[in-house]
C-alpha atoms as a PDB file:
ATOM      1  CA  MET A   1    -196.461   3.338-148.692  1.00  0.00           C
ATOM      2  CA  SER A   2    -197.817   4.943-151.844  1.00  0.00           C
ATOM      3  CA  GLU A   3    -196.164   4.770-155.231  1.00  0.00           C
ATOM      4  CA  PRO A   4    -194.429   7.901-156.467  1.00  0.00           C
ATOM      5  CA  ALA A   5    -196.350  10.002-159.037  1.00  0.00           C
ATOM      6  CA  VAL A   6    -193.389  10.259-161.474  1.00  0.00           C
ATOM      7  CA  PRO A   7    -191.999   7.150-163.201  1.00  0.00           C
ATOM      8  CA  PRO A   8    -188.313   6.532-162.495  1.00  0.00           C
ATOM      9  CA  PRO A   9    -185.957   7.764-165.211  1.00  0.00           C
ATOM     10  CA  SER A  10    -183.744   5.300-167.155  1.00  0.00           C
ATOM     11  CA  LEU A  11    -180.233   4.973-165.701  1.00  0.00           C
ATOM     12  CA  PRO A  12    -177.669   6.407-165.679  1.00  0.00           C
ATOM     13  CA  VAL A  13    -179.019   9.894-165.054  1.00  0.00           C
ATOM     14  CA  THR A  14    -177.378  13.113-163.932  1.00  0.00           C
ATOM     15  CA  TRP A  15    -179.092  16.111-162.352  1.00  0.00           C
ATOM     16  CA  ARG A  16    -177.159  19.365-162.336  1.00  0.00           C
ATOM     17  CA  PRO A  17    -178.251  23.040-162.105  1.00  0.00           C
ATOM     18  CA  ARG A  18    -178.302  25.123-165.205  1.00  0.00           C
ATOM     19  CA  VAL A  19    -178.301  28.767-164.192  1.00  0.00           C
ATOM     20  CA  PRO A  20    -175.993  28.523-161.149  1.00  0.00           C
ATOM     21  CA  ARG A  21    -173.559  26.510-163.278  1.00  0.00           C
ATOM     22  CA  MET A  22    -173.537  29.102-166.087  1.00  0.00           C
ATOM     23  CA  VAL A  23    -173.123  31.944-163.515  1.00  0.00           C
ATOM     24  CA  ALA A  24    -170.223  30.135-161.779  1.00  0.00           C
ATOM     25  CA  TYR A  25    -168.308  29.396-164.907  1.00  0.00           C
ATOM     26  CA  GLY A  26    -169.148  32.747-166.493  1.00  0.00           C
ATOM     27  CA  PHE A  27    -167.750  34.643-163.523  1.00  0.00           C
ATOM     28  CA  ALA A  28    -164.713  32.286-163.363  1.00  0.00           C
ATOM     29  CA  ALA A  29    -163.898  33.235-166.986  1.00  0.00           C
ATOM     30  CA  LEU A  30    -164.406  36.894-166.179  1.00  0.00           C
ATOM     31  CA  VAL A  31    -162.196  36.791-163.147  1.00  0.00           C
ATOM     32  CA  VAL A  32    -159.365  35.006-164.966  1.00  0.00           C
ATOM     33  CA  ALA A  33    -159.612  37.358-167.964  1.00  0.00           C
ATOM     34  CA  GLY A  34    -159.621  40.357-165.622  1.00  0.00           C
ATOM     35  CA  ALA A  35    -156.640  39.103-163.706  1.00  0.00           C
ATOM     36  CA  LEU A  36    -154.678  38.493-166.925  1.00  0.00           C
ATOM     37  CA  ILE A  37    -155.538  41.902-168.297  1.00  0.00           C
ATOM     38  CA  MET A  38    -154.625  43.588-164.975  1.00  0.00           C
ATOM     39  CA  ALA A  39    -151.399  41.702-164.783  1.00  0.00           C
ATOM     40  CA  ILE A  40    -150.421  42.837-168.310  1.00  0.00           C
ATOM     41  CA  PHE A  41    -151.460  46.492-168.039  1.00  0.00           C
ATOM     42  CA  ILE A  42    -150.703  47.266-164.348  1.00  0.00           C
ATOM     43  CA  SER A  43    -148.286  50.227-163.823  1.00  0.00           C
ATOM     44  CA  GLU A  44    -144.549  49.948-163.510  1.00  0.00           C
ATOM     45  CA  PRO A  45    -144.028  49.920-159.747  1.00  0.00           C
ATOM     46  CA  PHE A  46    -145.463  46.378-159.866  1.00  0.00           C
ATOM     47  CA  LYS A  47    -142.879  43.714-160.820  1.00  0.00           C
ATOM     48  CA  LEU A  48    -143.183  40.209-162.182  1.00  0.00           C
ATOM     49  CA  PRO A  49    -143.925  38.562-158.796  1.00  0.00           C
ATOM     50  CA  ASP A  50    -146.779  40.972-158.278  1.00  0.00           C
ATOM     51  CA  ARG A  51    -148.176  40.215-161.683  1.00  0.00           C
ATOM     52  CA  ILE A  52    -147.859  36.433-161.097  1.00  0.00           C
ATOM     53  CA  ALA A  53    -149.688  36.866-157.730  1.00  0.00           C
ATOM     54  CA  ILE A  54    -152.591  38.703-159.433  1.00  0.00           C
ATOM     55  CA  VAL A  55    -152.985  35.905-161.958  1.00  0.00           C
ATOM     56  CA  ALA A  56    -152.638  33.240-159.203  1.00  0.00           C
ATOM     57  CA  PHE A  57    -155.329  34.991-157.154  1.00  0.00           C
ATOM     58  CA  GLY A  58    -157.616  35.093-160.171  1.00  0.00           C
ATOM     59  CA  GLY A  59    -156.968  31.352-160.627  1.00  0.00           C
ATOM     60  CA  ALA A  60    -157.725  30.619-157.058  1.00  0.00           C
ATOM     61  CA  VAL A  61    -161.065  32.474-157.287  1.00  0.00           C
ATOM     62  CA  ALA A  62    -161.902  30.676-160.500  1.00  0.00           C
ATOM     63  CA  TYR A  63    -161.131  27.362-158.761  1.00  0.00           C
ATOM     64  CA  VAL A  64    -163.633  28.116-155.976  1.00  0.00           C
ATOM     65  CA  LEU A  65    -166.196  29.011-158.619  1.00  0.00           C
ATOM     66  CA  HIS A  66    -165.448  25.778-160.407  1.00  0.00           C
ATOM     67  CA  LEU A  67    -166.125  23.885-157.146  1.00  0.00           C
ATOM     68  CA  LEU A  68    -169.556  25.561-157.041  1.00  0.00           C
ATOM     69  CA  GLY A  69    -170.159  24.875-160.709  1.00  0.00           C
ATOM     70  CA  ARG A  70    -169.388  21.185-160.676  1.00  0.00           C
ATOM     71  CA  VAL A  71    -172.130  20.130-158.249  1.00  0.00           C
ATOM     72  CA  ARG A  72    -174.367  17.328-159.495  1.00  0.00           C
ATOM     73  CA  VAL A  73    -176.264  14.213-158.485  1.00  0.00           C
ATOM     74  CA  ASP A  74    -175.512  11.051-160.455  1.00  0.00           C
ATOM     75  CA  ALA A  75    -177.624   7.880-160.296  1.00  0.00           C
ATOM     76  CA  ASP A  76    -176.686   4.590-161.880  1.00  0.00           C
ATOM     77  CA  ASP A  77    -177.380   0.904-161.412  1.00  0.00           C
ATOM     78  CA  GLN A  78    -175.129   0.655-158.322  1.00  0.00           C
ATOM     79  CA  GLY A  79    -176.331   3.722-156.441  1.00  0.00           C
ATOM     80  CA  VAL A  80    -176.202   7.498-156.171  1.00  0.00           C
ATOM     81  CA  THR A  81    -173.309   9.873-156.162  1.00  0.00           C
ATOM     82  CA  LEU A  82    -173.644  13.356-154.576  1.00  0.00           C
ATOM     83  CA  VAL A  83    -170.977  15.729-155.912  1.00  0.00           C
ATOM     84  CA  ASN A  84    -171.078  18.757-153.671  1.00  0.00           C
ATOM     85  CA  ALA A  85    -168.730  21.804-153.664  1.00  0.00           C
ATOM     86  CA  VAL A  86    -166.053  20.207-151.523  1.00  0.00           C
ATOM     87  CA  ARG A  87    -166.866  16.496-151.057  1.00  0.00           C
ATOM     88  CA  THR A  88    -168.166  13.646-153.180  1.00  0.00           C
ATOM     89  CA  HIS A  89    -170.307  11.037-151.526  1.00  0.00           C
ATOM     90  CA  ARG A  90    -171.132   7.606-153.040  1.00  0.00           C
ATOM     91  CA  TYR A  91    -173.924   5.440-151.671  1.00  0.00           C
ATOM     92  CA  SER A  92    -175.468   2.223-152.822  1.00  0.00           C
ATOM     93  CA  TRP A  93    -179.304   2.156-153.333  1.00  0.00           C
ATOM     94  CA  PRO A  94    -180.106   0.205-150.142  1.00  0.00           C
ATOM     95  CA  GLU A  95    -178.345   2.922-148.119  1.00  0.00           C
ATOM     96  CA  VAL A  96    -180.544   5.705-149.464  1.00  0.00           C
ATOM     97  CA  LEU A  97    -183.790   6.111-147.527  1.00  0.00           C
ATOM     98  CA  GLU A  98    -185.388   9.295-148.740  1.00  0.00           C
ATOM     99  CA  VAL A  99    -185.005  12.657-150.399  1.00  0.00           C
ATOM    100  CA  SER A 100    -186.948  15.715-149.264  1.00  0.00           C
ATOM    101  CA  MET A 101    -186.982  19.395-150.136  1.00  0.00           C
ATOM    102  CA  ALA A 102    -188.922  21.848-148.151  1.00  0.00           C
ATOM    103  CA  PRO A 103    -190.253  24.988-149.848  1.00  0.00           C
ATOM    104  CA  GLY A 104    -187.616  27.709-149.751  1.00  0.00           C
ATOM    105  CA  GLU A 105    -184.738  25.387-149.136  1.00  0.00           C
ATOM    106  CA  PRO A 106    -181.600  25.911-151.351  1.00  0.00           C
ATOM    107  CA  TRP A 107    -181.332  22.153-152.109  1.00  0.00           C
ATOM    108  CA  PRO A 108    -182.866  18.846-151.049  1.00  0.00           C
ATOM    109  CA  ARG A 109    -181.700  16.690-148.203  1.00  0.00           C
ATOM    110  CA  VAL A 110    -180.962  13.022-148.679  1.00  0.00           C
ATOM    111  CA  ASP A 111    -181.349  10.756-145.663  1.00  0.00           C
ATOM    112  CA  PHE A 112    -179.247   7.593-145.349  1.00  0.00           C
ATOM    113  CA  SER A 113    -179.510   4.343-143.420  1.00  0.00           C
ATOM    114  CA  ASP A 114    -176.554   5.253-141.173  1.00  0.00           C
ATOM    115  CA  GLY A 115    -178.489   8.209-139.821  1.00  0.00           C
ATOM    116  CA  SER A 116    -176.655  10.860-141.820  1.00  0.00           C
ATOM    117  CA  THR A 117    -178.270  13.527-143.925  1.00  0.00           C
ATOM    118  CA  ILE A 118    -176.451  15.237-146.794  1.00  0.00           C
ATOM    119  CA  GLY A 119    -177.510  18.129-148.933  1.00  0.00           C
ATOM    120  CA  ALA A 120    -177.687  17.428-152.659  1.00  0.00           C
ATOM    121  CA  MET A 121    -176.346  20.673-154.033  1.00  0.00           C
ATOM    122  CA  GLY A 122    -176.743  19.361-157.599  1.00  0.00           C
ATOM    123  CA  ILE A 123    -180.492  19.986-157.388  1.00  0.00           C
ATOM    124  CA  GLN A 124    -180.911  23.689-156.832  1.00  0.00           C
ATOM    125  CA  GLY A 125    -184.155  24.999-155.192  1.00  0.00           C
ATOM    126  CA  SER A 126    -183.823  28.189-157.254  1.00  0.00           C
ATOM    127  CA  GLU A 127    -184.866  26.200-160.321  1.00  0.00           C
ATOM    128  CA  LYS A 128    -188.269  25.495-158.872  1.00  0.00           C
ATOM    129  CA  ASP A 129    -189.858  23.280-161.564  1.00  0.00           C
ATOM    130  CA  ARG A 130    -186.644  21.504-162.480  1.00  0.00           C
ATOM    131  CA  ALA A 131    -185.843  20.922-158.832  1.00  0.00           C
ATOM    132  CA  ALA A 132    -189.299  19.470-158.099  1.00  0.00           C
ATOM    133  CA  GLN A 133    -189.015  17.199-161.174  1.00  0.00           C
ATOM    134  CA  ALA A 134    -185.493  16.016-160.120  1.00  0.00           C
ATOM    135  CA  VAL A 135    -186.630  15.349-156.519  1.00  0.00           C
ATOM    136  CA  ALA A 136    -189.645  13.366-157.801  1.00  0.00           C
ATOM    137  CA  GLU A 137    -187.416  11.308-160.135  1.00  0.00           C
ATOM    138  CA  LEU A 138    -184.900  10.606-157.429  1.00  0.00           C
ATOM    139  CA  THR A 139    -187.709   9.627-155.071  1.00  0.00           C
ATOM    140  CA  ALA A 140    -189.055   7.244-157.694  1.00  0.00           C
ATOM    141  CA  LEU A 141    -185.641   5.673-158.077  1.00  0.00           C
ATOM    142  CA  ILE A 142    -185.253   5.291-154.344  1.00  0.00           C
ATOM    143  CA  HIS A 143    -188.622   3.548-154.171  1.00  0.00           C
ATOM    144  CA  GLU A 144    -187.797   1.294-157.117  1.00  0.00           C
ATOM    145  CA  ARG A 145    -184.219   0.349-156.195  1.00  0.00           C
ATOM    146  CA  GLY A 146    -183.582   1.199-152.580  1.00  0.00           C
ATOM    147  CA  GLU A 147    -186.376  -0.305-150.585  1.00  0.00           C
ATOM    148  CA  ALA A 148    -186.848  -3.969-149.753  1.00  0.00           C
ATOM    149  CA  PRO A 149    -190.200  -5.333-150.862  1.00  0.00           C
ATOM    150  CA  GLU A 150    -192.901  -5.098-148.195  1.00  0.00           C
ATOM    151  CA  ARG A 151    -194.098  -8.227-146.600  1.00  0.00           C
ATOM    152  CA  PRO A 152    -197.780  -9.082-146.611  1.00  0.00           C
END
């Protein structure tokens, strides 16, 4: 097996998308502000429970956007943590086999020793150069920390 072209980064390291994160939190702020303004200035037939429902709906939409904005991939001495929109997965280095990202894919796939494959939403394919760099760095870490040394 050949050595990765990129040296592994120093640990701990976190990869998270920039633009999708700004968009998610920007829209969340806009939705909450809009819901508050609407609840304050809505016409008289709407009563207090209606106004509360408008703000609650805006809060629920903002929470979903927060779930999309919090995605990341964390690597430390013990292993890797994939924080996706709904679930967080924690794996030790020997469990991580490989990371791959085909052209045009929204995020890379991480393969594990138990046969499962999980998407790493914290590395966004839309950020082409940053995504390629993050995949290369994660691959280097997997080669450095996850694989047993080859026997002669």
